[in-house]
Amino acid sequence: MRLWLFILLTCSLQARDLDVIIVRGADGAEEYGKKFSAQVEAWKAACAKGEATVEIISGAETTAKLEKRLAETKADRPLWLVLIGHGTFDGREAKFNAEGPDFDAKQLAAWLAPLKQEVVVMHCASSSGGFVRPLAGKSRIIITATKSPDEVFYARFGEHFAEAVGGLPEADLDQDKQVSLLEAFRHASKTAATFYENEGRLATEHALIEDNGDGVPTRREMLEAPPAEAKLDGERAGQLVLVLSEEEKMLTDARRAKRDALESELKKLKEQRAKLGDDDYYSKLEKLLRELGEVYSGS
């Protein structure tokens, strides 16, 4: 028993196979610069707690630095890309305002195209909704602060998301002592909406999430009251966590990935139950549950 516990604790102390790149854009004004810096610091703290590798890209050559860094990305490591700053829309292209040349959705899509690993893009700026369709695809999770490029005013979503992703207890909806990307999205979206309600102001931001690759994003309100037969996003984002609970740390990255895949298979199997006979359904269910048990037992 002591040897088994030592092995699990040793695994939990290893740095995770996860790279987080934070892009800090131009301030625009001093008051926004302070808000952006606070978000960057919150992300850095969360990455430290989550044992993830973090890199900050900023300054006059931000766009060139980001393009170069993405070209050097290791194919065997999941990548989370966080964009913090302002965005603009000229009626044709949505852009992220970097210090120096800005970059648009098409450029970022081209830089990400060669990457085969799972990529998460969290675009926390105004006009970020214009990045959803160009970036969506297989093994992609896209989270934006706005529902369209036309929402051009400062977005508060990023402030709340940065706070939640670090393990904010109020954002832990299922009470499993960790906050998934989906939970962080829902918390930040709701908190931003509450701000406008309390101020009696028309909301100028409506966050989106897209993680099933169809390019059709989902808003928080739809997740809270899903329409019948609706194909909503959020399943994969609900499995991804930056700051793991003590229980989750007992699993290696490989076992956690296998667990997530098996849980997805279980969900699909349950959806097919009506088409399967009882014998076939329970046979497949038993097989998946046995495999799931092996993940946790370490066999």
C-alpha atoms as a PDB file:
ATOM      1  CA  MET A   1       0.000   0.000   0.000  1.00  0.00           C
ATOM      2  CA  ARG A   2       2.803   2.433   0.884  1.00  0.00           C
ATOM      3  CA  LEU A   3       4.622   1.748  -2.412  1.00  0.00           C
ATOM      4  CA  TRP A   4       1.386   2.287  -4.373  1.00  0.00           C
ATOM      5  CA  LEU A   5       0.776   5.604  -2.593  1.00  0.00           C
ATOM      6  CA  PHE A   6       4.377   6.723  -3.189  1.00  0.00           C
ATOM      7  CA  ILE A   7       4.055   6.034  -6.930  1.00  0.00           C
ATOM      8  CA  LEU A   8       0.812   8.013  -7.174  1.00  0.00           C
ATOM      9  CA  LEU A   9       2.239  10.954  -5.237  1.00  0.00           C
ATOM     10  CA  THR A  10       5.334  10.948  -7.416  1.00  0.00           C
ATOM     11  CA  CYS A  11       3.173  11.131 -10.543  1.00  0.00           C
ATOM     12  CA  SER A  12       1.235  14.031  -9.067  1.00  0.00           C
ATOM     13  CA  LEU A  13       4.420  16.027  -8.532  1.00  0.00           C
ATOM     14  CA  GLN A  14       5.440  15.851 -12.172  1.00  0.00           C
ATOM     15  CA  ALA A  15       4.778  18.871 -14.366  1.00  0.00           C
ATOM     16  CA  ARG A  16       1.833  18.335 -16.671  1.00  0.00           C
ATOM     17  CA  ASP A  17       2.098  18.052 -20.426  1.00  0.00           C
ATOM     18  CA  LEU A  18       0.339  21.338 -21.031  1.00  0.00           C
ATOM     19  CA  ASP A  19       1.623  24.565 -22.562  1.00  0.00           C
ATOM     20  CA  VAL A  20      -0.207  27.828 -21.900  1.00  0.00           C
ATOM     21  CA  ILE A  21       0.645  30.856 -24.040  1.00  0.00           C
ATOM     22  CA  ILE A  22      -0.742  34.201 -22.886  1.00  0.00           C
ATOM     23  CA  VAL A  23      -0.807  37.026 -25.390  1.00  0.00           C
ATOM     24  CA  ARG A  24      -1.130  40.472 -23.807  1.00  0.00           C
ATOM     25  CA  GLY A  25      -2.303  43.101 -26.226  1.00  0.00           C
ATOM     26  CA  ALA A  26      -2.034  46.881 -26.288  1.00  0.00           C
ATOM     27  CA  ASP A  27      -3.451  48.748 -23.278  1.00  0.00           C
ATOM     28  CA  GLY A  28      -5.333  51.404 -25.188  1.00  0.00           C
ATOM     29  CA  ALA A  29      -5.650  53.370 -21.933  1.00  0.00           C
ATOM     30  CA  GLU A  30      -4.027  53.127 -18.502  1.00  0.00           C
ATOM     31  CA  GLU A  31      -7.189  51.873 -16.797  1.00  0.00           C
ATOM     32  CA  TYR A  32      -7.404  48.944 -19.206  1.00  0.00           C
ATOM     33  CA  GLY A  33      -3.704  48.227 -18.913  1.00  0.00           C
ATOM     34  CA  LYS A  34      -4.158  47.624 -15.194  1.00  0.00           C
ATOM     35  CA  LYS A  35      -7.049  45.260 -15.860  1.00  0.00           C
ATOM     36  CA  PHE A  36      -5.044  43.334 -18.461  1.00  0.00           C
ATOM     37  CA  SER A  37      -2.050  43.051 -16.145  1.00  0.00           C
ATOM     38  CA  ALA A  38      -4.305  41.705 -13.383  1.00  0.00           C
ATOM     39  CA  GLN A  39      -5.661  39.055 -15.755  1.00  0.00           C
ATOM     40  CA  VAL A  40      -2.150  38.016 -16.782  1.00  0.00           C
ATOM     41  CA  GLU A  41      -1.106  37.677 -13.144  1.00  0.00           C
ATOM     42  CA  ALA A  42      -4.203  35.615 -12.345  1.00  0.00           C
ATOM     43  CA  TRP A  43      -3.388  33.273 -15.225  1.00  0.00           C
ATOM     44  CA  LYS A  44       0.246  32.976 -14.161  1.00  0.00           C
ATOM     45  CA  ALA A  45      -0.819  32.047 -10.635  1.00  0.00           C
ATOM     46  CA  ALA A  46      -3.316  29.502 -11.952  1.00  0.00           C
ATOM     47  CA  CYS A  47      -0.709  27.911 -14.219  1.00  0.00           C
ATOM     48  CA  ALA A  48       1.704  27.648 -11.309  1.00  0.00           C
ATOM     49  CA  LYS A  49      -0.945  25.890  -9.215  1.00  0.00           C
ATOM     50  CA  GLY A  50      -1.858  23.712 -12.186  1.00  0.00           C
ATOM     51  CA  GLU A  51       1.784  22.768 -12.867  1.00  0.00           C
ATOM     52  CA  ALA A  52       1.468  23.897 -16.488  1.00  0.00           C
ATOM     53  CA  THR A  53       4.184  25.587 -18.522  1.00  0.00           C
ATOM     54  CA  VAL A  54       3.281  29.242 -19.138  1.00  0.00           C
ATOM     55  CA  GLU A  55       4.749  31.827 -21.513  1.00  0.00           C
ATOM     56  CA  ILE A  56       3.798  35.494 -21.864  1.00  0.00           C
ATOM     57  CA  ILE A  57       4.017  37.190 -25.268  1.00  0.00           C
ATOM     58  CA  SER A  58       3.776  40.968 -25.383  1.00  0.00           C
ATOM     59  CA  GLY A  59       5.573  44.070 -26.625  1.00  0.00           C
ATOM     60  CA  ALA A  60       6.143  45.744 -29.964  1.00  0.00           C
ATOM     61  CA  GLU A  61       6.716  42.508 -31.876  1.00  0.00           C
ATOM     62  CA  THR A  62       3.799  40.568 -30.362  1.00  0.00           C
ATOM     63  CA  THR A  63       2.324  39.385 -33.655  1.00  0.00           C
ATOM     64  CA  ALA A  64       5.659  38.202 -35.057  1.00  0.00           C
ATOM     65  CA  LYS A  65       6.555  36.541 -31.750  1.00  0.00           C
ATOM     66  CA  LEU A  66       3.261  34.662 -31.631  1.00  0.00           C
ATOM     67  CA  GLU A  67       3.565  33.425 -35.214  1.00  0.00           C
ATOM     68  CA  LYS A  68       7.106  32.191 -34.519  1.00  0.00           C
ATOM     69  CA  ARG A  69       6.141  30.551 -31.215  1.00  0.00           C
ATOM     70  CA  LEU A  70       3.218  28.672 -32.741  1.00  0.00           C
ATOM     71  CA  ALA A  71       5.458  27.430 -35.545  1.00  0.00           C
ATOM     72  CA  GLU A  72       7.769  25.960 -32.897  1.00  0.00           C
ATOM     73  CA  THR A  73       5.017  24.267 -30.886  1.00  0.00           C
ATOM     74  CA  LYS A  74       5.645  20.646 -29.941  1.00  0.00           C
ATOM     75  CA  ALA A  75       3.100  18.334 -31.530  1.00  0.00           C
ATOM     76  CA  ASP A  76       2.817  16.028 -28.527  1.00  0.00           C
ATOM     77  CA  ARG A  77       1.731  18.686 -26.026  1.00  0.00           C
ATOM     78  CA  PRO A  78      -1.764  20.197 -25.692  1.00  0.00           C
ATOM     79  CA  LEU A  79      -1.796  23.958 -26.154  1.00  0.00           C
ATOM     80  CA  TRP A  80      -3.913  26.614 -24.483  1.00  0.00           C
ATOM     81  CA  LEU A  81      -3.775  30.076 -26.066  1.00  0.00           C
ATOM     82  CA  VAL A  82      -5.132  33.015 -24.065  1.00  0.00           C
ATOM     83  CA  LEU A  83      -5.677  36.403 -25.711  1.00  0.00           C
ATOM     84  CA  ILE A  84      -5.991  39.324 -23.271  1.00  0.00           C
ATOM     85  CA  GLY A  85      -6.574  42.839 -24.561  1.00  0.00           C
ATOM     86  CA  HIS A  86      -8.769  44.803 -26.959  1.00  0.00           C
ATOM     87  CA  GLY A  87     -10.284  43.751 -30.257  1.00  0.00           C
ATOM     88  CA  THR A  88     -11.626  45.695 -33.219  1.00  0.00           C
ATOM     89  CA  PHE A  89     -13.854  45.125 -36.230  1.00  0.00           C
ATOM     90  CA  ASP A  90     -13.741  47.202 -39.411  1.00  0.00           C
ATOM     91  CA  GLY A  91     -16.817  45.617 -40.968  1.00  0.00           C
ATOM     92  CA  ARG A  92     -14.770  42.922 -42.684  1.00  0.00           C
ATOM     93  CA  GLU A  93     -12.147  41.483 -40.336  1.00  0.00           C
ATOM     94  CA  ALA A  94     -12.078  41.013 -36.579  1.00  0.00           C
ATOM     95  CA  LYS A  95      -8.633  41.793 -35.174  1.00  0.00           C
ATOM     96  CA  PHE A  96      -6.767  41.456 -31.908  1.00  0.00           C
ATOM     97  CA  ASN A  97      -5.008  44.685 -30.972  1.00  0.00           C
ATOM     98  CA  ALA A  98      -1.363  43.867 -30.338  1.00  0.00           C
ATOM     99  CA  GLU A  99       1.414  46.317 -29.653  1.00  0.00           C
ATOM    100  CA  GLY A 100       2.690  46.919 -33.150  1.00  0.00           C
ATOM    101  CA  PRO A 101       0.815  45.197 -36.029  1.00  0.00           C
ATOM    102  CA  ASP A 102      -2.549  43.648 -35.140  1.00  0.00           C
ATOM    103  CA  PHE A 103      -3.507  40.144 -36.276  1.00  0.00           C
ATOM    104  CA  ASP A 104      -6.865  38.906 -37.492  1.00  0.00           C
ATOM    105  CA  ALA A 105      -8.810  35.646 -37.302  1.00  0.00           C
ATOM    106  CA  LYS A 106      -7.591  34.389 -40.678  1.00  0.00           C
ATOM    107  CA  GLN A 107      -3.961  34.889 -39.708  1.00  0.00           C
ATOM    108  CA  LEU A 108      -4.371  33.075 -36.409  1.00  0.00           C
ATOM    109  CA  ALA A 109      -6.249  30.242 -38.131  1.00  0.00           C
ATOM    110  CA  ALA A 110      -3.347  29.841 -40.578  1.00  0.00           C
ATOM    111  CA  TRP A 111      -0.786  29.717 -37.759  1.00  0.00           C
ATOM    112  CA  LEU A 112      -2.807  27.082 -35.905  1.00  0.00           C
ATOM    113  CA  ALA A 113      -3.634  24.986 -38.981  1.00  0.00           C
ATOM    114  CA  PRO A 114      -0.462  22.812 -38.872  1.00  0.00           C
ATOM    115  CA  LEU A 115      -1.016  21.886 -35.205  1.00  0.00           C
ATOM    116  CA  LYS A 116      -2.403  18.371 -34.724  1.00  0.00           C
ATOM    117  CA  GLN A 117      -2.690  18.319 -30.934  1.00  0.00           C
ATOM    118  CA  GLU A 118      -5.684  19.562 -28.978  1.00  0.00           C
ATOM    119  CA  VAL A 119      -5.757  23.369 -28.983  1.00  0.00           C
ATOM    120  CA  VAL A 120      -7.813  25.618 -26.726  1.00  0.00           C
ATOM    121  CA  VAL A 121      -8.185  29.283 -27.663  1.00  0.00           C
ATOM    122  CA  MET A 122      -9.608  31.641 -25.055  1.00  0.00           C
ATOM    123  CA  HIS A 123     -10.116  35.018 -26.713  1.00  0.00           C
ATOM    124  CA  CYS A 124     -11.111  37.410 -23.951  1.00  0.00           C
ATOM    125  CA  ALA A 125     -11.204  40.659 -25.940  1.00  0.00           C
ATOM    126  CA  SER A 126     -13.945  42.664 -27.601  1.00  0.00           C
ATOM    127  CA  SER A 127     -14.942  41.594 -31.136  1.00  0.00           C
ATOM    128  CA  SER A 128     -13.643  38.096 -30.321  1.00  0.00           C
ATOM    129  CA  GLY A 129     -16.816  36.453 -31.629  1.00  0.00           C
ATOM    130  CA  GLY A 130     -15.446  36.950 -35.120  1.00  0.00           C
ATOM    131  CA  PHE A 131     -12.737  34.378 -34.393  1.00  0.00           C
ATOM    132  CA  VAL A 132     -15.048  31.407 -33.698  1.00  0.00           C
ATOM    133  CA  ARG A 133     -15.759  30.077 -37.187  1.00  0.00           C
ATOM    134  CA  PRO A 134     -12.249  30.591 -38.603  1.00  0.00           C
ATOM    135  CA  LEU A 135     -10.674  28.739 -35.665  1.00  0.00           C
ATOM    136  CA  ALA A 136     -13.211  25.950 -35.047  1.00  0.00           C
ATOM    137  CA  GLY A 137     -12.366  22.397 -35.992  1.00  0.00           C
ATOM    138  CA  LYS A 138     -11.428  18.939 -34.786  1.00  0.00           C
ATOM    139  CA  SER A 139      -9.653  18.895 -31.405  1.00  0.00           C
ATOM    140  CA  ARG A 140     -10.330  22.600 -30.959  1.00  0.00           C
ATOM    141  CA  ILE A 141     -12.052  24.421 -28.126  1.00  0.00           C
ATOM    142  CA  ILE A 142     -12.841  28.066 -28.797  1.00  0.00           C
ATOM    143  CA  ILE A 143     -14.080  30.420 -26.077  1.00  0.00           C
ATOM    144  CA  THR A 144     -14.815  34.064 -26.846  1.00  0.00           C
ATOM    145  CA  ALA A 145     -15.992  37.022 -24.790  1.00  0.00           C
ATOM    146  CA  THR A 146     -18.457  38.199 -27.432  1.00  0.00           C
ATOM    147  CA  LYS A 147     -21.004  36.592 -29.711  1.00  0.00           C
ATOM    148  CA  SER A 148     -20.032  38.597 -32.790  1.00  0.00           C
ATOM    149  CA  PRO A 149     -17.317  40.959 -34.043  1.00  0.00           C
ATOM    150  CA  ASP A 150     -19.816  43.822 -33.740  1.00  0.00           C
ATOM    151  CA  GLU A 151     -19.577  43.758 -29.922  1.00  0.00           C
ATOM    152  CA  VAL A 152     -16.661  46.183 -29.853  1.00  0.00           C
ATOM    153  CA  PHE A 153     -16.779  47.613 -26.320  1.00  0.00           C
ATOM    154  CA  TYR A 154     -14.493  46.484 -23.483  1.00  0.00           C
ATOM    155  CA  ALA A 155     -15.359  42.945 -22.413  1.00  0.00           C
ATOM    156  CA  ARG A 156     -15.398  42.090 -18.704  1.00  0.00           C
ATOM    157  CA  PHE A 157     -15.654  38.367 -19.380  1.00  0.00           C
ATOM    158  CA  GLY A 158     -11.867  37.914 -19.315  1.00  0.00           C
ATOM    159  CA  GLU A 159     -11.557  39.313 -15.788  1.00  0.00           C
ATOM    160  CA  HIS A 160     -13.987  36.762 -14.394  1.00  0.00           C
ATOM    161  CA  PHE A 161     -12.676  33.890 -16.505  1.00  0.00           C
ATOM    162  CA  ALA A 162      -9.093  34.435 -15.294  1.00  0.00           C
ATOM    163  CA  GLU A 163     -10.324  34.346 -11.718  1.00  0.00           C
ATOM    164  CA  ALA A 164     -12.489  31.260 -12.168  1.00  0.00           C
ATOM    165  CA  VAL A 165     -10.025  29.070 -14.059  1.00  0.00           C
ATOM    166  CA  GLY A 166      -7.650  29.169 -11.081  1.00  0.00           C
ATOM    167  CA  GLY A 167     -10.119  27.181  -9.002  1.00  0.00           C
ATOM    168  CA  LEU A 168     -12.614  29.757  -7.720  1.00  0.00           C
ATOM    169  CA  PRO A 169     -14.991  27.812  -5.380  1.00  0.00           C
ATOM    170  CA  GLU A 170     -18.066  29.723  -6.615  1.00  0.00           C
ATOM    171  CA  ALA A 171     -17.367  28.516 -10.154  1.00  0.00           C
ATOM    172  CA  ASP A 172     -17.185  24.837  -9.137  1.00  0.00           C
ATOM    173  CA  LEU A 173     -20.728  23.956 -10.167  1.00  0.00           C
ATOM    174  CA  ASP A 174     -20.469  20.188  -9.665  1.00  0.00           C
ATOM    175  CA  GLN A 175     -18.552  20.554  -6.380  1.00  0.00           C
ATOM    176  CA  ASP A 176     -15.687  18.259  -7.400  1.00  0.00           C
ATOM    177  CA  LYS A 177     -13.086  20.662  -5.965  1.00  0.00           C
ATOM    178  CA  GLN A 178     -11.835  21.829  -9.359  1.00  0.00           C
ATOM    179  CA  VAL A 179     -13.071  24.184 -12.084  1.00  0.00           C
ATOM    180  CA  SER A 180     -13.298  22.972 -15.665  1.00  0.00           C
ATOM    181  CA  LEU A 181     -13.076  25.256 -18.679  1.00  0.00           C
ATOM    182  CA  LEU A 182     -16.828  24.846 -19.117  1.00  0.00           C
ATOM    183  CA  GLU A 183     -17.493  25.869 -15.524  1.00  0.00           C
ATOM    184  CA  ALA A 184     -15.147  28.854 -15.853  1.00  0.00           C
ATOM    185  CA  PHE A 185     -16.971  29.866 -19.044  1.00  0.00           C
ATOM    186  CA  ARG A 186     -20.387  29.612 -17.425  1.00  0.00           C
ATOM    187  CA  HIS A 187     -19.300  31.490 -14.312  1.00  0.00           C
ATOM    188  CA  ALA A 188     -17.581  34.302 -16.205  1.00  0.00           C
ATOM    189  CA  SER A 189     -20.458  34.674 -18.648  1.00  0.00           C
ATOM    190  CA  LYS A 190     -23.048  34.818 -15.878  1.00  0.00           C
ATOM    191  CA  THR A 191     -20.990  37.212 -13.735  1.00  0.00           C
ATOM    192  CA  ALA A 192     -20.492  39.566 -16.674  1.00  0.00           C
ATOM    193  CA  ALA A 193     -24.220  39.473 -17.437  1.00  0.00           C
ATOM    194  CA  THR A 194     -25.032  40.219 -13.787  1.00  0.00           C
ATOM    195  CA  PHE A 195     -22.836  43.332 -13.934  1.00  0.00           C
ATOM    196  CA  TYR A 196     -24.916  44.836 -16.737  1.00  0.00           C
ATOM    197  CA  GLU A 197     -28.163  43.878 -15.005  1.00  0.00           C
ATOM    198  CA  ASN A 198     -27.113  45.483 -11.722  1.00  0.00           C
ATOM    199  CA  GLU A 199     -25.965  48.626 -13.539  1.00  0.00           C
ATOM    200  CA  GLY A 200     -29.182  48.787 -15.533  1.00  0.00           C
ATOM    201  CA  ARG A 201     -27.166  48.823 -18.737  1.00  0.00           C
ATOM    202  CA  LEU A 202     -27.618  47.074 -22.055  1.00  0.00           C
ATOM    203  CA  ALA A 203     -25.180  44.146 -22.196  1.00  0.00           C
ATOM    204  CA  THR A 204     -22.487  44.694 -24.804  1.00  0.00           C
ATOM    205  CA  GLU A 205     -20.893  41.246 -24.536  1.00  0.00           C
ATOM    206  CA  HIS A 206     -22.259  37.703 -24.794  1.00  0.00           C
ATOM    207  CA  ALA A 207     -19.680  34.938 -24.458  1.00  0.00           C
ATOM    208  CA  LEU A 208     -19.564  31.843 -26.683  1.00  0.00           C
ATOM    209  CA  ILE A 209     -18.083  28.358 -26.492  1.00  0.00           C
ATOM    210  CA  GLU A 210     -17.428  25.954 -29.387  1.00  0.00           C
ATOM    211  CA  ASP A 211     -15.861  22.547 -28.774  1.00  0.00           C
ATOM    212  CA  ASN A 212     -17.523  20.014 -31.092  1.00  0.00           C
ATOM    213  CA  GLY A 213     -15.959  21.298 -34.321  1.00  0.00           C
ATOM    214  CA  ASP A 214     -19.130  22.243 -36.185  1.00  0.00           C
ATOM    215  CA  GLY A 215     -18.422  25.974 -36.063  1.00  0.00           C
ATOM    216  CA  VAL A 216     -21.774  26.681 -34.401  1.00  0.00           C
ATOM    217  CA  PRO A 217     -21.082  28.045 -30.891  1.00  0.00           C
ATOM    218  CA  THR A 218     -23.238  27.908 -27.788  1.00  0.00           C
ATOM    219  CA  ARG A 219     -24.164  30.581 -25.270  1.00  0.00           C
ATOM    220  CA  ARG A 220     -24.422  29.988 -21.522  1.00  0.00           C
ATOM    221  CA  GLU A 221     -28.191  30.503 -21.519  1.00  0.00           C
ATOM    222  CA  MET A 222     -28.633  27.524 -23.865  1.00  0.00           C
ATOM    223  CA  LEU A 223     -26.559  25.304 -21.571  1.00  0.00           C
ATOM    224  CA  GLU A 224     -28.749  26.190 -18.607  1.00  0.00           C
ATOM    225  CA  ALA A 225     -31.983  25.462 -20.473  1.00  0.00           C
ATOM    226  CA  PRO A 226     -31.010  23.233 -23.434  1.00  0.00           C
ATOM    227  CA  PRO A 227     -33.591  22.900 -26.225  1.00  0.00           C
ATOM    228  CA  ALA A 228     -34.741  19.377 -26.997  1.00  0.00           C
ATOM    229  CA  GLU A 229     -32.435  17.477 -29.377  1.00  0.00           C
ATOM    230  CA  ALA A 230     -30.088  20.465 -29.532  1.00  0.00           C
ATOM    231  CA  LYS A 231     -26.450  19.739 -30.374  1.00  0.00           C
ATOM    232  CA  LEU A 232     -24.758  21.933 -27.814  1.00  0.00           C
ATOM    233  CA  ASP A 233     -21.112  22.533 -27.073  1.00  0.00           C
ATOM    234  CA  GLY A 234     -19.379  22.041 -23.740  1.00  0.00           C
ATOM    235  CA  GLU A 235     -18.797  18.297 -23.370  1.00  0.00           C
ATOM    236  CA  ARG A 236     -15.046  18.389 -24.014  1.00  0.00           C
ATOM    237  CA  ALA A 237     -14.548  21.711 -22.226  1.00  0.00           C
ATOM    238  CA  GLY A 238     -16.200  20.122 -19.210  1.00  0.00           C
ATOM    239  CA  GLN A 239     -13.365  17.574 -19.056  1.00  0.00           C
ATOM    240  CA  LEU A 240     -10.468  20.036 -19.158  1.00  0.00           C
ATOM    241  CA  VAL A 241      -9.137  21.534 -15.939  1.00  0.00           C
ATOM    242  CA  LEU A 242      -6.124  23.745 -15.270  1.00  0.00           C
ATOM    243  CA  VAL A 243      -5.887  23.448 -11.482  1.00  0.00           C
ATOM    244  CA  LEU A 244      -6.568  19.807 -10.654  1.00  0.00           C
ATOM    245  CA  SER A 245      -8.136  18.555  -7.436  1.00  0.00           C
ATOM    246  CA  GLU A 246      -6.050  16.314  -5.183  1.00  0.00           C
ATOM    247  CA  GLU A 247      -7.998  13.298  -6.471  1.00  0.00           C
ATOM    248  CA  GLU A 248      -7.348  14.191 -10.108  1.00  0.00           C
ATOM    249  CA  LYS A 249      -3.642  14.604  -9.404  1.00  0.00           C
ATOM    250  CA  MET A 250      -3.519  10.910  -8.605  1.00  0.00           C
ATOM    251  CA  LEU A 251      -3.964  10.199 -12.318  1.00  0.00           C
ATOM    252  CA  THR A 252      -1.239  10.703 -14.888  1.00  0.00           C
ATOM    253  CA  ASP A 253      -1.998  12.778 -17.975  1.00  0.00           C
ATOM    254  CA  ALA A 254      -2.217   9.581 -20.022  1.00  0.00           C
ATOM    255  CA  ARG A 255      -4.733   7.957 -17.682  1.00  0.00           C
ATOM    256  CA  ARG A 256      -6.754  11.124 -17.476  1.00  0.00           C
ATOM    257  CA  ALA A 257      -6.928  11.274 -21.276  1.00  0.00           C
ATOM    258  CA  LYS A 258      -8.038   7.645 -21.428  1.00  0.00           C
ATOM    259  CA  ARG A 259     -10.669   8.288 -18.763  1.00  0.00           C
ATOM    260  CA  ASP A 260     -12.033  11.245 -20.712  1.00  0.00           C
ATOM    261  CA  ALA A 261     -12.214   9.187 -23.909  1.00  0.00           C
ATOM    262  CA  LEU A 262     -14.053   6.360 -22.122  1.00  0.00           C
ATOM    263  CA  GLU A 263     -16.527   8.781 -20.583  1.00  0.00           C
ATOM    264  CA  SER A 264     -17.267  10.184 -24.044  1.00  0.00           C
ATOM    265  CA  GLU A 265     -17.858   6.634 -25.311  1.00  0.00           C
ATOM    266  CA  LEU A 266     -20.210   5.983 -22.404  1.00  0.00           C
ATOM    267  CA  LYS A 267     -22.227   9.077 -23.270  1.00  0.00           C
ATOM    268  CA  LYS A 268     -22.504   8.019 -26.916  1.00  0.00           C
ATOM    269  CA  LEU A 269     -23.500   4.498 -25.883  1.00  0.00           C
ATOM    270  CA  LYS A 270     -26.310   5.806 -23.672  1.00  0.00           C
ATOM    271  CA  GLU A 271     -27.575   7.924 -26.567  1.00  0.00           C
ATOM    272  CA  GLN A 272     -27.730   4.792 -28.743  1.00  0.00           C
ATOM    273  CA  ARG A 273     -29.515   2.628 -26.158  1.00  0.00           C
ATOM    274  CA  ALA A 274     -32.893   2.858 -27.857  1.00  0.00           C
ATOM    275  CA  LYS A 275     -31.379   1.457 -31.069  1.00  0.00           C
ATOM    276  CA  LEU A 276     -29.520  -1.364 -29.328  1.00  0.00           C
ATOM    277  CA  GLY A 277     -31.027  -4.479 -27.795  1.00  0.00           C
ATOM    278  CA  ASP A 278     -30.589  -4.955 -24.040  1.00  0.00           C
ATOM    279  CA  ASP A 279     -27.996  -7.697 -24.468  1.00  0.00           C
ATOM    280  CA  ASP A 280     -25.833  -5.615 -26.810  1.00  0.00           C
ATOM    281  CA  TYR A 281     -26.200  -2.470 -24.734  1.00  0.00           C
ATOM    282  CA  TYR A 282     -25.308  -4.063 -21.399  1.00  0.00           C
ATOM    283  CA  SER A 283     -22.447  -6.020 -22.931  1.00  0.00           C
ATOM    284  CA  LYS A 284     -20.860  -2.832 -24.276  1.00  0.00           C
ATOM    285  CA  LEU A 285     -21.648  -0.965 -21.063  1.00  0.00           C
ATOM    286  CA  GLU A 286     -19.911  -3.590 -18.942  1.00  0.00           C
ATOM    287  CA  LYS A 287     -16.824  -3.484 -21.161  1.00  0.00           C
ATOM    288  CA  LEU A 288     -16.535   0.296 -20.900  1.00  0.00           C
ATOM    289  CA  LEU A 289     -17.104   0.302 -17.142  1.00  0.00           C
ATOM    290  CA  ARG A 290     -14.418  -2.347 -16.664  1.00  0.00           C
ATOM    291  CA  GLU A 291     -11.963  -0.289 -18.680  1.00  0.00           C
ATOM    292  CA  LEU A 292     -12.900   2.785 -16.680  1.00  0.00           C
ATOM    293  CA  GLY A 293     -12.292   0.877 -13.461  1.00  0.00           C
ATOM    294  CA  GLU A 294      -8.851  -0.140 -14.692  1.00  0.00           C
ATOM    295  CA  VAL A 295      -7.958   3.520 -15.246  1.00  0.00           C
ATOM    296  CA  TYR A 296      -8.580   4.299 -11.602  1.00  0.00           C
ATOM    297  CA  SER A 297      -7.072   1.084 -10.250  1.00  0.00           C
ATOM    298  CA  GLY A 298      -3.875   1.650 -12.222  1.00  0.00           C
ATOM    299  CA  SER A 299      -3.940  -1.768 -13.912  1.00  0.00           C
END
